[in-house]
């Protein structure tokens, strides 16, 4: 059976997530932030793109349980690290007959329907890839591939440039789409400061302000 598109959300166990924020937020705050970001990601896709299959790959039992309650598909992460998790999801999407895969992590500060719609509505020729970089253009905050395994999956420092190189080397048509809100993940203290300055009202901003106030008092 051929199916159109799956949205894949890799989500790390909150107990070990957001380690790069350790100089800025205590452990409890990092765990609470990771959980809030994940719940907001689930809510966003349920409320705005319920007709697109959502697949969460996670090493966390609580996140897997929340995903199942939401009606999305759960893949239990069989290895460690973002690359391995997305590789696992990609194999699953190919086996399920999906023509395309859109990978968006669960740590985007504020997902916007208009931005994700622009991604989903792009023409998806075979083989092709749409890349959305992080704010510093080092990381990859969204990866839309047709077919799902059009390029080897790899995440880490410099992934954005690496995906571009891989696409060119393999003859995969590549488009770079810069989306302001999607570019802002909450990985570093600078990301958090930027989000505190300009982030939209909602649970993520409330969580950050609560801990920012507690740590400054």
Protein backbone atom coordinates (compact mmCIF):
# COMPACT_ATOMS: atom_id res chain seq x y z
CA UNK A 1 0.00 0.00 0.00
CA UNK A 2 1.29 3.45 -0.93
CA UNK A 3 0.75 6.23 1.59
CA UNK A 4 1.59 9.89 1.21
CA UNK A 5 3.35 11.45 4.21
CA UNK A 6 4.27 10.62 7.78
CA UNK A 7 5.41 13.20 10.32
CA UNK A 8 8.13 11.82 12.58
CA UNK A 9 8.85 13.38 15.97
CA UNK A 10 11.93 12.05 17.77
CA UNK A 11 11.68 12.71 21.51
CA UNK A 12 14.35 12.02 24.11
CA UNK A 13 13.52 10.92 27.66
CA UNK A 14 13.04 14.14 29.67
CA UNK A 15 15.23 12.66 32.42
CA UNK A 16 18.27 13.08 30.17
CA UNK A 17 17.12 15.79 27.77
CA UNK A 18 18.40 19.35 27.39
CA UNK A 19 21.85 18.69 28.85
CA UNK A 20 23.24 21.71 26.98
CA UNK A 21 21.04 23.91 29.16
CA UNK A 22 22.70 22.69 32.34
CA UNK A 23 24.61 25.98 32.91
CA UNK A 24 21.33 27.89 32.63
CA UNK A 25 18.60 25.69 34.13
CA UNK A 26 18.65 23.11 36.95
CA UNK A 27 17.82 19.49 36.22
CA UNK A 28 14.17 19.74 37.34
CA UNK A 29 13.66 22.75 35.08
CA UNK A 30 15.20 20.99 32.10
CA UNK A 31 13.00 17.96 32.65
CA UNK A 32 9.88 20.11 32.99
CA UNK A 33 10.79 22.07 29.86
CA UNK A 34 11.35 18.91 27.81
CA UNK A 35 7.99 17.51 28.90
CA UNK A 36 6.17 20.78 28.16
CA UNK A 37 7.76 21.02 24.71
CA UNK A 38 6.77 17.44 23.93
CA UNK A 39 3.17 17.92 25.04
CA UNK A 40 2.87 21.11 23.02
CA UNK A 41 4.26 19.34 19.97
CA UNK A 42 1.71 16.54 20.30
CA UNK A 43 -1.10 19.04 20.82
CA UNK A 44 -0.01 21.13 17.84
CA UNK A 45 -0.08 18.24 15.37
CA UNK A 46 -3.29 16.80 16.80
CA UNK A 47 -5.07 20.16 16.55
CA UNK A 48 -3.68 21.28 13.18
CA UNK A 49 -2.73 18.23 11.11
CA UNK A 50 -4.85 15.40 12.46
CA UNK A 51 -5.18 13.94 8.95
CA UNK A 52 -1.42 13.37 8.64
CA UNK A 53 -0.08 10.25 10.40
CA UNK A 54 2.14 11.18 13.35
CA UNK A 55 4.92 8.87 14.50
CA UNK A 56 6.80 9.46 17.76
CA UNK A 57 10.07 7.59 18.30
CA UNK A 58 11.18 7.74 21.92
CA UNK A 59 13.18 5.97 24.60
CA UNK A 60 10.81 7.23 27.31
CA UNK A 61 7.95 5.19 28.76
CA UNK A 62 6.00 8.29 29.92
CA UNK A 63 6.31 9.90 26.48
CA UNK A 64 5.32 6.65 24.79
CA UNK A 65 2.23 6.43 27.00
CA UNK A 66 1.24 10.03 26.25
CA UNK A 67 1.72 9.41 22.55
CA UNK A 68 -0.48 6.32 22.62
CA UNK A 69 -3.23 8.21 24.45
CA UNK A 70 -3.12 10.90 21.77
CA UNK A 71 -3.72 8.33 19.04
CA UNK A 72 -0.33 8.73 17.36
CA UNK A 73 1.96 5.82 16.52
CA UNK A 74 4.70 4.96 19.01
CA UNK A 75 8.08 3.52 18.06
CA UNK A 76 10.25 2.61 21.03
CA UNK A 77 13.78 3.87 20.44
CA UNK A 78 15.97 0.78 20.25
CA UNK A 79 19.28 2.66 20.43
CA UNK A 80 20.60 5.93 21.79
CA UNK A 81 20.86 9.25 20.02
CA UNK A 82 18.84 11.29 17.57
CA UNK A 83 20.43 9.80 14.46
CA UNK A 84 19.61 6.23 15.45
CA UNK A 85 16.06 7.16 16.43
CA UNK A 86 15.32 8.83 13.09
CA UNK A 87 17.01 5.99 11.20
CA UNK A 88 14.67 3.56 12.96
CA UNK A 89 11.64 5.67 12.06
CA UNK A 90 12.80 5.93 8.46
CA UNK A 91 13.04 2.14 8.11
CA UNK A 92 9.53 1.88 9.56
CA UNK A 93 8.12 4.53 7.20
CA UNK A 94 9.60 2.78 4.17
CA UNK A 95 8.18 -0.56 5.34
CA UNK A 96 4.76 1.03 5.83
CA UNK A 97 4.76 2.38 2.27
CA UNK A 98 4.98 6.10 2.98
CA UNK A 99 6.15 8.13 0.01
CA UNK A 100 7.59 10.95 2.14
CA UNK A 101 8.77 11.59 5.68
CA UNK A 102 8.88 14.89 7.56
CA UNK A 103 11.11 14.90 10.65
CA UNK A 104 10.55 17.65 13.23
CA UNK A 105 12.08 17.41 16.71
CA UNK A 106 10.03 17.93 19.86
CA UNK A 107 12.01 20.94 21.08
CA UNK A 108 10.81 23.73 18.79
CA UNK A 109 9.77 26.66 20.96
CA UNK A 110 6.69 27.64 18.95
CA UNK A 111 5.35 25.63 16.02
CA UNK A 112 3.25 27.63 13.58
CA UNK A 113 0.53 26.13 11.40
CA UNK A 114 1.38 28.40 8.46
CA UNK A 115 5.01 27.31 8.47
CA UNK A 116 4.33 23.59 8.73
CA UNK A 117 1.65 23.88 6.04
CA UNK A 118 4.24 25.44 3.72
CA UNK A 119 6.43 22.40 4.28
CA UNK A 120 3.71 19.82 3.85
CA UNK A 121 2.38 21.50 0.71
CA UNK A 122 5.73 21.59 -1.11
CA UNK A 123 5.85 19.58 -4.36
CA UNK A 124 7.42 16.24 -3.48
CA UNK A 125 9.25 14.84 -6.48
CA UNK A 126 11.29 11.62 -6.27
CA UNK A 127 13.98 11.89 -5.12
CA UNK A 128 13.89 15.23 -3.30
CA UNK A 129 14.59 16.86 0.02
CA UNK A 130 13.46 20.05 1.77
CA UNK A 131 15.70 21.36 4.54
CA UNK A 132 14.80 23.86 7.25
CA UNK A 133 17.90 25.01 9.16
CA UNK A 134 18.20 26.03 12.78
CA UNK A 135 18.71 29.72 13.54
CA UNK A 136 22.50 29.40 13.38
CA UNK A 137 22.22 27.32 10.18
CA UNK A 138 24.28 24.55 11.75
CA UNK A 139 21.51 22.15 12.66
CA UNK A 140 18.47 20.76 10.85
CA UNK A 141 15.08 21.60 12.39
CA UNK A 142 12.97 19.98 9.69
CA UNK A 143 13.83 17.38 7.08
CA UNK A 144 11.32 16.40 4.40
CA UNK A 145 12.52 13.52 2.24
CA UNK A 146 10.91 11.76 -0.71
CA UNK A 147 11.27 8.83 -0.47
CA UNK A 148 11.90 8.70 3.29
CA UNK A 149 15.37 7.23 2.75
CA UNK A 150 16.38 9.58 -0.06
CA UNK A 151 19.54 10.49 1.87
CA UNK A 152 21.35 8.83 4.80
CA UNK A 153 20.03 10.07 8.13
CA UNK A 154 22.59 11.88 10.26
CA UNK A 155 22.19 14.44 13.04
CA UNK A 156 24.85 16.40 14.88
CA UNK A 157 26.87 19.57 14.59
CA UNK A 158 26.88 20.66 10.95
CA UNK A 159 24.01 18.41 9.88
CA UNK A 160 22.45 21.09 7.68
CA UNK A 161 25.54 21.41 5.46
CA UNK A 162 26.03 17.65 5.47
CA UNK A 163 22.51 17.01 4.21
CA UNK A 164 23.05 19.51 1.39
CA UNK A 165 26.27 17.77 0.37
CA UNK A 166 24.69 14.32 0.50
CA UNK A 167 21.75 15.44 -1.62
CA UNK A 168 24.00 16.94 -4.30
CA UNK A 169 26.26 13.88 -4.33
CA UNK A 170 23.29 11.54 -4.76
CA UNK A 171 21.42 13.59 -7.36
CA UNK A 172 18.61 14.40 -4.95
CA UNK A 173 16.83 17.70 -5.64
CA UNK A 174 17.28 19.90 -2.56
CA UNK A 175 15.36 22.99 -1.46
CA UNK A 176 16.25 25.13 1.55
CA UNK A 177 13.25 26.67 3.29
CA UNK A 178 14.02 29.15 6.08
CA UNK A 179 11.11 29.44 8.50
CA UNK A 180 11.59 31.90 11.40
CA UNK A 181 9.67 30.13 14.16
CA UNK A 182 10.73 26.64 13.13
CA UNK A 183 14.37 27.76 13.21
CA UNK A 184 14.24 28.34 16.97
CA UNK A 185 14.77 25.16 18.95
CA UNK A 186 15.57 25.39 22.64
CA UNK A 187 18.99 23.77 22.85
CA UNK A 188 21.29 26.41 24.31
CA UNK A 189 21.07 29.20 26.92
CA UNK A 190 21.09 31.71 24.06
CA UNK A 191 18.08 29.97 22.49
CA UNK A 192 16.22 30.26 25.79
CA UNK A 193 17.11 33.93 26.23
CA UNK A 194 15.91 34.65 22.69
CA UNK A 195 12.66 32.80 23.31
CA UNK A 196 12.08 34.63 26.60
CA UNK A 197 12.46 37.92 24.70
CA UNK A 198 10.20 37.15 21.76
CA UNK A 199 8.37 33.89 22.38
CA UNK A 200 4.58 33.76 22.09
CA UNK A 201 2.40 33.35 25.17
CA UNK A 202 1.72 29.75 26.08
CA UNK A 203 2.84 26.84 28.26
CA UNK A 204 6.47 26.86 27.03
CA UNK A 205 6.99 30.55 27.76
CA UNK A 206 5.24 30.20 31.12
CA UNK A 207 7.51 27.29 32.06
CA UNK A 208 10.65 29.18 31.14
CA UNK A 209 9.59 32.35 32.92
CA UNK A 210 8.73 30.41 36.04
CA UNK A 211 12.22 28.93 36.26
CA UNK A 212 13.96 32.10 35.13
CA UNK A 213 12.25 33.95 37.98
CA UNK A 214 13.12 31.21 40.49
CA UNK A 215 16.79 31.11 39.53
CA UNK A 216 17.20 34.90 39.59
CA UNK A 217 15.58 35.37 43.01
